[in-house]
Structure formats: C-alpha cells, structure tokens
Amino acid sequence: MELEFEALNKTTLAEQVMQQLAAKIIAGELPTGHRLPAERDLAESMGVSRGRVREALRALALVGLVDIRPGGGAYVCDGLDQMPKDTVLWLFRQEATKYSDLYAARELIEPAVYTACFNNKTDEVIAGIFEHVDRIAKANENKDISGEAFLQLLDEEDLYVGVNCGNSVFYKLMQTIILLRRELCIHICESPANRDSSVEKRTLIANAFRNNDQPALKKAWEYFFSVRLEI
C-alpha cells in the first residue's frame, strides 16, 4: 500500500507524525489489522528521524490506536478496542479532580454518545438497551446490592451504547468518562434513592429509543442531569 504523507515542519515533530497517522487510521486509509510501514519508511516519507516516528507510535499505542508487537512492527487496532484503564487515568486524572469539571464533561459526552446511537439504532440495538435496563431494574430490587455492583451494570449499558453508536471516537470518550466517574459514582450508587432515580431515568431514555422519539430523548437527558448530586 502506497501512502502519501505531508512534509513536516520542525516544531513538535512527534505530535505531527502522530496526528497524521491518527487521521489516516480514523479515515480508514489504514484499516484495522493493517501493518504500518516500517519506522525507516515512515521517517523518510515525513522527513523526520526514526526516533520521532518511534515516539509517535508509542503515543498512538498509549491511546489504543496501534498495537506495537516486539520484532513484528506496529498494527492498527480495532477501533472498538478499549483503551487501557491505566492509560486513561494517567492522561486525565490530573485534569478531572473537580467533581464540577467531571460533571460538565459528562453532560457533554454521555448525551452525545446516546444520540449517536439513537441515530444509528436498529431493532437489535433497542432490544439490547432494554435488556440492560431490565437487568439494572432487577438488581435494584435487591436492596443489599453494593454501589459498586450496581454501577457495574450502569457501566455495561453505557459501553453497549458506545459500541453501537457508530463512532469509535465517541466510544473511547465513553470509556474515558466511565473510568473517570467511577470513584465518585460508586458513592452515589450506595444510595437506594439514587439507584431508583437511575432506573427511572434510564427507562425514559430506553423508551425514547423504542418510540423513535428524539425530542423525548433530549428531554430525558435534560431530566437526567437536572439534579446535580454533590459528593
């Protein structure tokens, strides 16, 4: 496969290599499972050193876009591969220490992922969402369930929606939010009242999917974030 790359200037070379390769992966020019050109070939194509290419590939591996195999080169990962937990926390923990900041990010990302899934939905996806909501509702009937166990079910539904939203970047953003919110949300899910609220709100969202009612979906998300729970 012949790939054409733009010549790079002399600032932040590794970042520019990373950006060009990431753009080609996201655009599908470098498909899942494809082996990337050798470091030497990439370096010659872009007019940079092999060290800069190696640095860029390591960064791409860190965010889950490529898989570096010792002695075997670098390969494009599946767009739905989950980012390593430690990677996500390392990248964002310092910037997400305030609950208000995390809450604001959740308000942007979670509805966007669900809306993308809504626009990409099938009968099978809708059925899958209801299966998750049913499991959450049944678990909530067990008043002795731990906050961590209940949150795990919420996370599983959100990941299911992310997988089926049709956008691999949105899916990775959902993974990130799930990891960052975990410590705070375990505490929230210890409360029976909060668990009841979660079931109610997720049922409203699921019904909007089933009824193909996008205004109802928007309204459900506004209701979802209408009460800010303080830790």
Protein backbone atom coordinates (compact mmCIF):
# COMPACT_ATOMS: atom_id res chain seq x y z
CA MET A 1 0.00 0.00 0.00
CA GLU A 2 1.45 3.37 -1.06
CA LEU A 3 0.78 6.10 1.50
CA GLU A 4 1.46 9.78 0.92
CA PHE A 5 2.36 11.98 3.87
CA GLU A 6 2.84 15.72 4.13
CA ALA A 7 6.33 17.06 4.80
CA LEU A 8 6.56 18.31 8.38
CA ASN A 9 7.95 21.48 9.84
CA LYS A 10 10.47 21.40 12.66
CA THR A 11 8.12 22.01 15.61
CA THR A 12 6.52 19.24 17.66
CA LEU A 13 7.54 16.69 15.07
CA ALA A 14 6.44 13.63 17.02
CA GLU A 15 2.99 15.17 17.59
CA GLN A 16 2.65 15.91 13.88
CA VAL A 17 3.62 12.34 12.99
CA MET A 18 1.05 11.10 15.49
CA GLN A 19 -1.66 13.41 14.11
CA GLN A 20 -1.09 12.33 10.51
CA LEU A 21 -1.12 8.64 11.35
CA ALA A 22 -4.17 9.01 13.62
CA ALA A 23 -6.03 10.89 10.88
CA LYS A 24 -5.35 8.09 8.38
CA ILE A 25 -6.46 5.45 10.88
CA ILE A 26 -9.70 7.28 11.69
CA ALA A 27 -10.38 7.90 7.98
CA GLY A 28 -9.88 4.20 7.22
CA GLU A 29 -6.84 4.70 4.98
CA LEU A 30 -5.03 2.46 7.43
CA PRO A 31 -7.64 -0.25 8.16
CA THR A 32 -7.99 -2.40 11.23
CA GLY A 33 -5.30 -5.07 11.43
CA HIS A 34 -3.12 -3.37 8.80
CA ARG A 35 0.59 -3.29 9.47
CA LEU A 36 2.02 0.22 9.37
CA PRO A 37 5.06 0.94 7.21
CA ALA A 38 8.41 0.36 8.88
CA GLU A 39 9.79 3.16 11.04
CA ARG A 40 12.52 3.83 8.48
CA ASP A 41 9.97 4.20 5.65
CA LEU A 42 7.72 6.49 7.71
CA ALA A 43 10.69 8.61 8.70
CA GLU A 44 11.80 9.01 5.08
CA SER A 45 8.26 9.83 3.91
CA MET A 46 7.82 12.55 6.51
CA GLY A 47 11.35 13.89 6.60
CA VAL A 48 11.90 13.20 10.29
CA SER A 49 14.12 10.92 12.34
CA ARG A 50 13.19 7.37 13.26
CA GLY A 51 13.24 8.46 16.89
CA ARG A 52 10.38 10.89 16.24
CA VAL A 53 8.40 8.18 14.46
CA ARG A 54 9.03 5.75 17.31
CA GLU A 55 7.85 8.36 19.83
CA ALA A 56 4.66 8.94 17.83
CA LEU A 57 3.92 5.22 17.55
CA ARG A 58 4.32 4.80 21.30
CA ALA A 59 1.86 7.64 21.86
CA LEU A 60 -0.62 6.05 19.46
CA ALA A 61 -0.23 2.75 21.29
CA LEU A 62 -0.85 4.52 24.58
CA VAL A 63 -4.30 5.72 23.41
CA GLY A 64 -5.19 2.38 21.85
CA LEU A 65 -4.93 3.19 18.15
CA VAL A 66 -1.99 0.94 17.32
CA ASP A 67 -0.54 -2.26 18.71
CA ILE A 68 3.26 -2.45 18.76
CA ARG A 69 4.48 -6.03 18.54
CA PRO A 70 8.13 -6.54 19.54
CA GLY A 71 10.00 -7.56 16.43
CA GLY A 72 6.80 -7.53 14.40
CA GLY A 73 6.06 -3.88 13.71
CA ALA A 74 3.01 -1.74 14.52
CA TYR A 75 -0.56 -2.68 13.59
CA VAL A 76 -3.80 -0.72 13.54
CA CYS A 77 -6.02 -1.71 16.45
CA ASP A 78 -9.73 -2.38 16.21
CA GLY A 79 -11.47 0.97 16.55
CA LEU A 80 -13.55 -0.53 19.37
CA ASP A 81 -10.60 -1.81 21.38
CA GLN A 82 -10.84 -0.46 24.89
CA MET A 83 -8.18 1.98 26.00
CA PRO A 84 -6.16 0.56 28.90
CA LYS A 85 -7.54 1.75 32.23
CA ASP A 86 -4.17 2.96 33.47
CA THR A 87 -3.67 4.95 30.27
CA VAL A 88 -6.98 6.80 30.63
CA LEU A 89 -6.37 7.59 34.27
CA TRP A 90 -2.83 8.75 33.55
CA LEU A 91 -4.00 11.04 30.75
CA PHE A 92 -6.91 12.65 32.58
CA ARG A 93 -6.69 12.19 36.33
CA GLN A 94 -4.90 15.46 36.96
CA GLU A 95 -7.45 17.41 34.94
CA ALA A 96 -10.52 15.74 36.43
CA THR A 97 -10.06 16.21 40.14
CA LYS A 98 -13.03 18.58 40.49
CA TYR A 99 -16.46 16.97 40.54
CA SER A 100 -17.94 20.03 38.78
CA ASP A 101 -15.49 19.63 35.88
CA LEU A 102 -16.24 15.95 35.52
CA TYR A 103 -19.97 16.58 35.71
CA ALA A 104 -19.75 19.17 32.94
CA ALA A 105 -17.83 16.70 30.77
CA ARG A 106 -20.46 14.03 31.42
CA GLU A 107 -23.22 16.43 30.35
CA LEU A 108 -21.48 16.91 27.01
CA ILE A 109 -20.27 13.40 26.25
CA GLU A 110 -22.88 10.97 27.53
CA PRO A 111 -25.89 12.52 25.73
CA ALA A 112 -23.79 12.88 22.56
CA VAL A 113 -22.92 9.17 22.57
CA TYR A 114 -26.51 8.14 23.21
CA THR A 115 -27.75 10.48 20.47
CA ALA A 116 -25.25 8.97 18.02
CA CYS A 117 -26.51 5.52 18.99
CA PHE A 118 -30.10 6.72 18.55
CA ASN A 119 -29.28 7.85 15.01
CA ASN A 120 -27.58 4.51 14.34
CA LYS A 121 -30.08 2.27 16.13
CA THR A 122 -31.58 -0.99 14.93
CA ASP A 123 -34.27 -3.18 16.47
CA GLU A 124 -31.48 -5.35 17.85
CA VAL A 125 -29.76 -2.40 19.50
CA ILE A 126 -33.03 -1.20 21.04
CA ALA A 127 -33.68 -4.69 22.40
CA GLY A 128 -30.16 -4.76 23.83
CA ILE A 129 -30.69 -1.44 25.62
CA PHE A 130 -33.90 -2.76 27.20
CA GLU A 131 -32.11 -5.92 28.30
CA HIS A 132 -29.56 -3.79 30.12
CA VAL A 133 -32.24 -1.60 31.70
CA ASP A 134 -34.16 -4.69 32.82
CA ARG A 135 -31.02 -6.07 34.49
CA ILE A 136 -30.48 -2.74 36.23
CA ALA A 137 -34.10 -2.64 37.43
CA LYS A 138 -34.00 -6.22 38.73
CA ALA A 139 -30.71 -5.59 40.51
CA ASN A 140 -32.25 -2.53 42.15
CA GLU A 141 -34.90 -4.73 43.74
CA ASN A 142 -32.09 -6.23 45.81
CA LYS A 143 -31.70 -3.55 48.44
CA ASP A 144 -28.48 -5.17 49.67
CA ILE A 145 -26.68 -4.70 46.35
CA SER A 146 -23.45 -2.75 46.69
CA GLY A 147 -22.91 0.56 44.97
CA GLU A 148 -20.02 -0.94 43.02
CA ALA A 149 -22.11 -3.87 41.74
CA PHE A 150 -24.94 -1.54 40.71
CA LEU A 151 -22.55 0.84 38.98
CA GLN A 152 -21.06 -2.06 37.02
CA LEU A 153 -24.47 -2.64 35.43
CA LEU A 154 -24.78 1.04 34.53
CA ASP A 155 -21.30 0.97 33.00
CA GLU A 156 -22.20 -2.10 30.94
CA GLU A 157 -25.21 -0.34 29.43
CA ASP A 158 -23.19 2.76 28.61
CA LEU A 159 -20.46 0.67 26.98
CA TYR A 160 -23.09 -1.20 24.97
CA VAL A 161 -24.45 2.11 23.68
CA GLY A 162 -20.91 3.28 22.93
CA VAL A 163 -20.13 0.14 20.94
CA ASN A 164 -23.28 0.65 18.89
CA CYS A 165 -23.08 4.41 18.39
CA GLY A 166 -21.25 4.10 15.06
CA ASN A 167 -18.40 6.36 16.12
CA SER A 168 -15.19 4.84 17.52
CA VAL A 169 -14.03 8.19 18.92
CA PHE A 170 -17.29 8.59 20.86
CA TYR A 171 -16.85 5.05 22.14
CA LYS A 172 -13.41 5.89 23.51
CA LEU A 173 -14.79 9.05 25.09
CA MET A 174 -17.49 6.98 26.80
CA GLN A 175 -14.81 4.60 28.10
CA THR A 176 -12.91 7.58 29.45
CA ILE A 177 -15.92 9.06 31.23
CA ILE A 178 -16.81 5.69 32.76
CA LEU A 179 -13.33 5.31 34.21
CA LEU A 180 -13.11 8.88 35.48
CA ARG A 181 -16.55 8.92 37.07
CA ARG A 182 -16.16 5.53 38.76
CA GLU A 183 -14.86 6.54 42.17
CA LEU A 184 -17.47 9.27 42.57
CA CYS A 185 -20.35 7.24 41.17
CA ILE A 186 -19.74 4.24 43.43
CA HIS A 187 -20.51 6.55 46.33
CA ILE A 188 -23.62 7.88 44.57
CA CYS A 189 -24.86 4.36 43.85
CA GLU A 190 -24.72 3.41 47.53
CA SER A 191 -27.93 5.40 47.98
CA PRO A 192 -31.20 3.47 47.29
CA ALA A 193 -32.86 6.75 46.26
CA ASN A 194 -30.15 7.42 43.69
CA ARG A 195 -30.46 3.87 42.34
CA ASP A 196 -34.23 4.32 41.99
CA SER A 197 -33.59 7.54 40.11
CA SER A 198 -31.12 5.83 37.78
CA VAL A 199 -33.66 3.16 36.88
CA GLU A 200 -36.34 5.78 36.21
CA LYS A 201 -34.14 7.95 34.02
CA ARG A 202 -32.62 5.09 32.02
CA THR A 203 -36.10 3.70 31.40
CA LEU A 204 -37.15 7.06 29.96
CA ILE A 205 -34.14 7.02 27.65
CA ALA A 206 -34.84 3.45 26.56
CA ASN A 207 -38.48 4.31 25.82
CA ALA A 208 -37.35 7.22 23.64
CA PHE A 209 -35.28 4.74 21.60
CA ARG A 210 -38.21 2.34 21.25
CA ASN A 211 -40.62 5.11 20.25
CA ASN A 212 -38.12 6.70 17.84
CA ASP A 213 -38.73 9.96 19.67
CA GLN A 214 -35.63 12.15 19.57
CA PRO A 215 -37.26 15.12 21.39
CA ALA A 216 -38.16 12.70 24.19
CA LEU A 217 -34.53 11.52 24.27
CA LYS A 218 -33.31 15.11 24.61
CA LYS A 219 -35.86 15.77 27.35
CA ALA A 220 -34.85 12.58 29.17
CA TRP A 221 -31.22 13.66 29.19
CA GLU A 222 -32.16 17.12 30.47
CA TYR A 223 -34.03 15.40 33.26
CA PHE A 224 -31.09 13.05 33.82
CA PHE A 225 -28.82 15.99 34.64
CA SER A 226 -31.49 18.21 36.21
CA VAL A 227 -30.36 17.41 39.75
CA ARG A 228 -26.67 17.64 40.49
CA LEU A 229 -25.68 15.14 43.16
CA GLU A 230 -22.98 16.55 45.43
CA ILE A 231 -20.39 14.20 46.90
